[in-house]
Protein backbone atom coordinates (compact mmCIF):
# COMPACT_ATOMS: atom_id res chain seq x y z
CA MET A 1 -61.66 358.96 -50.59
CA ILE A 2 -61.78 356.77 -47.51
CA ILE A 3 -62.98 358.28 -44.22
CA ILE A 4 -61.74 356.64 -41.04
CA CYS A 5 -62.88 357.51 -37.54
CA PHE A 6 -60.04 359.05 -35.51
CA GLU A 7 -61.14 357.36 -32.27
CA ASN A 8 -60.76 353.93 -33.88
CA MET A 9 -57.30 354.79 -35.19
CA GLN A 10 -56.06 355.86 -31.74
CA GLU A 11 -56.38 352.28 -30.56
CA ILE A 12 -53.90 351.01 -33.16
CA ILE A 13 -51.27 353.78 -32.99
CA PRO A 14 -48.81 351.53 -31.10
CA GLN A 15 -49.11 348.86 -33.82
CA LEU A 16 -48.55 351.45 -36.54
CA PHE A 17 -45.37 352.61 -34.80
CA ALA A 18 -44.24 349.00 -34.33
CA ARG A 19 -44.30 348.51 -38.10
CA LEU A 20 -43.01 351.97 -39.00
CA SER A 21 -39.33 351.14 -38.67
CA SER A 22 -39.47 347.38 -39.00
CA HIS A 23 -41.50 346.69 -42.13
CA PRO A 24 -39.26 345.52 -44.99
CA GLU A 25 -41.19 347.40 -47.73
CA LYS A 26 -40.41 351.10 -48.04
CA ILE A 27 -43.81 351.88 -49.59
CA VAL A 28 -45.54 350.40 -46.53
CA ARG A 29 -43.34 352.41 -44.16
CA GLU A 30 -44.14 355.58 -46.12
CA LEU A 31 -47.86 354.82 -45.96
CA LEU A 32 -47.64 354.27 -42.20
CA GLU A 33 -45.74 357.55 -41.85
CA SER A 34 -48.46 359.34 -43.83
CA ILE A 35 -51.20 357.89 -41.61
CA LEU A 36 -49.33 358.81 -38.44
CA LEU A 37 -48.70 362.36 -39.67
CA LYS A 38 -52.40 362.78 -40.44
CA LEU A 39 -53.26 361.52 -36.97
CA GLY A 40 -50.64 363.89 -35.56
CA LYS A 41 -52.26 366.84 -37.30
CA LEU A 42 -55.61 365.92 -35.74
CA SER A 43 -54.15 365.26 -32.29
CA PRO A 44 -50.39 365.73 -31.85
CA CYS A 45 -50.60 364.40 -28.30
CA SER A 46 -51.69 361.02 -29.63
CA ILE A 47 -48.33 360.40 -31.30
CA VAL A 48 -45.89 362.23 -28.99
CA TYR A 49 -45.37 359.38 -26.51
CA PRO A 50 -45.01 356.58 -29.10
CA THR A 51 -42.56 358.74 -31.06
CA LEU A 52 -40.42 359.37 -27.99
CA VAL A 53 -40.49 355.69 -27.02
CA ASP A 54 -39.41 354.57 -30.49
CA ILE A 55 -36.64 357.17 -30.76
CA SER A 56 -35.35 356.19 -27.31
CA ALA A 57 -35.37 352.51 -28.28
CA CYS A 58 -33.32 353.09 -31.44
CA GLU A 59 -29.81 351.75 -31.47
CA GLY A 60 -28.13 354.37 -33.61
CA GLU A 61 -30.09 356.63 -35.94
CA PRO A 62 -33.90 356.40 -36.13
CA SER A 63 -35.48 355.44 -39.45
CA GLU A 64 -36.14 358.19 -41.97
CA GLU A 65 -39.88 357.85 -41.38
CA LEU A 66 -39.56 358.11 -37.60
CA GLN A 67 -37.23 361.09 -37.94
CA ARG A 68 -39.74 362.92 -40.17
CA ILE A 69 -42.52 362.29 -37.62
CA SER A 70 -40.25 363.64 -34.88
CA ASP A 71 -39.41 366.71 -36.99
CA PHE A 72 -43.12 367.29 -37.62
CA LEU A 73 -43.85 367.17 -33.89
CA VAL A 74 -41.07 369.61 -33.06
CA PHE A 75 -42.32 372.02 -35.73
CA TYR A 76 -46.01 371.64 -34.88
CA LEU A 77 -45.58 371.87 -31.12
CA THR A 78 -43.29 374.89 -31.50
CA LEU A 79 -46.02 376.65 -33.53
CA TRP A 80 -48.63 375.65 -30.97
CA LEU A 81 -46.54 376.94 -28.07
CA SER A 82 -45.79 380.19 -29.92
CA ALA A 83 -49.50 380.72 -30.54
CA LEU A 84 -50.22 380.24 -26.83
CA VAL A 85 -47.51 382.70 -25.84
CA TYR A 86 -48.72 385.33 -28.34
CA LYS A 87 -52.31 384.84 -27.19
CA ARG A 88 -51.28 385.34 -23.56
CA LEU A 89 -49.19 388.43 -24.40
CA PHE A 90 -52.13 389.89 -26.32
CA GLN A 91 -54.41 389.26 -23.34
CA LEU A 92 -51.91 390.94 -21.02
CA MET A 93 -51.62 393.93 -23.36
CA LEU A 94 -55.42 394.30 -23.48
CA PHE A 95 -55.76 393.86 -19.75
CA GLY A 96 -52.85 396.23 -19.05
CA THR A 97 -54.32 398.84 -21.38
CA PHE A 98 -57.68 398.45 -19.66
CA LEU A 99 -56.10 399.00 -16.22
CA PHE A 100 -54.08 401.96 -17.47
CA SER A 101 -57.16 403.65 -18.97
CA ILE A 102 -59.06 403.37 -15.68
CA GLY A 103 -56.39 405.18 -13.66
């Protein structure tokens, strides 16, 4: 197993995206997708902007690899947002119950 420092990988994210759709070998594109998805799981924000830039630059449909990264971000960020909303609702319920019990 190879361990790579996340901070070092952040510096090359634009280069990984540059090759994601343009590399002629499918196996290389799949490896790049895998690396980017792992980086996205550690820090989704690190791949949001490059994903949006590449999708916007596409003439026609994005590559399969880019589409899967986009789908991952939509799914992951939806879960993240849902967790924030539920956490806030829970806090409001606790706080509301606390206020109600005082009066």
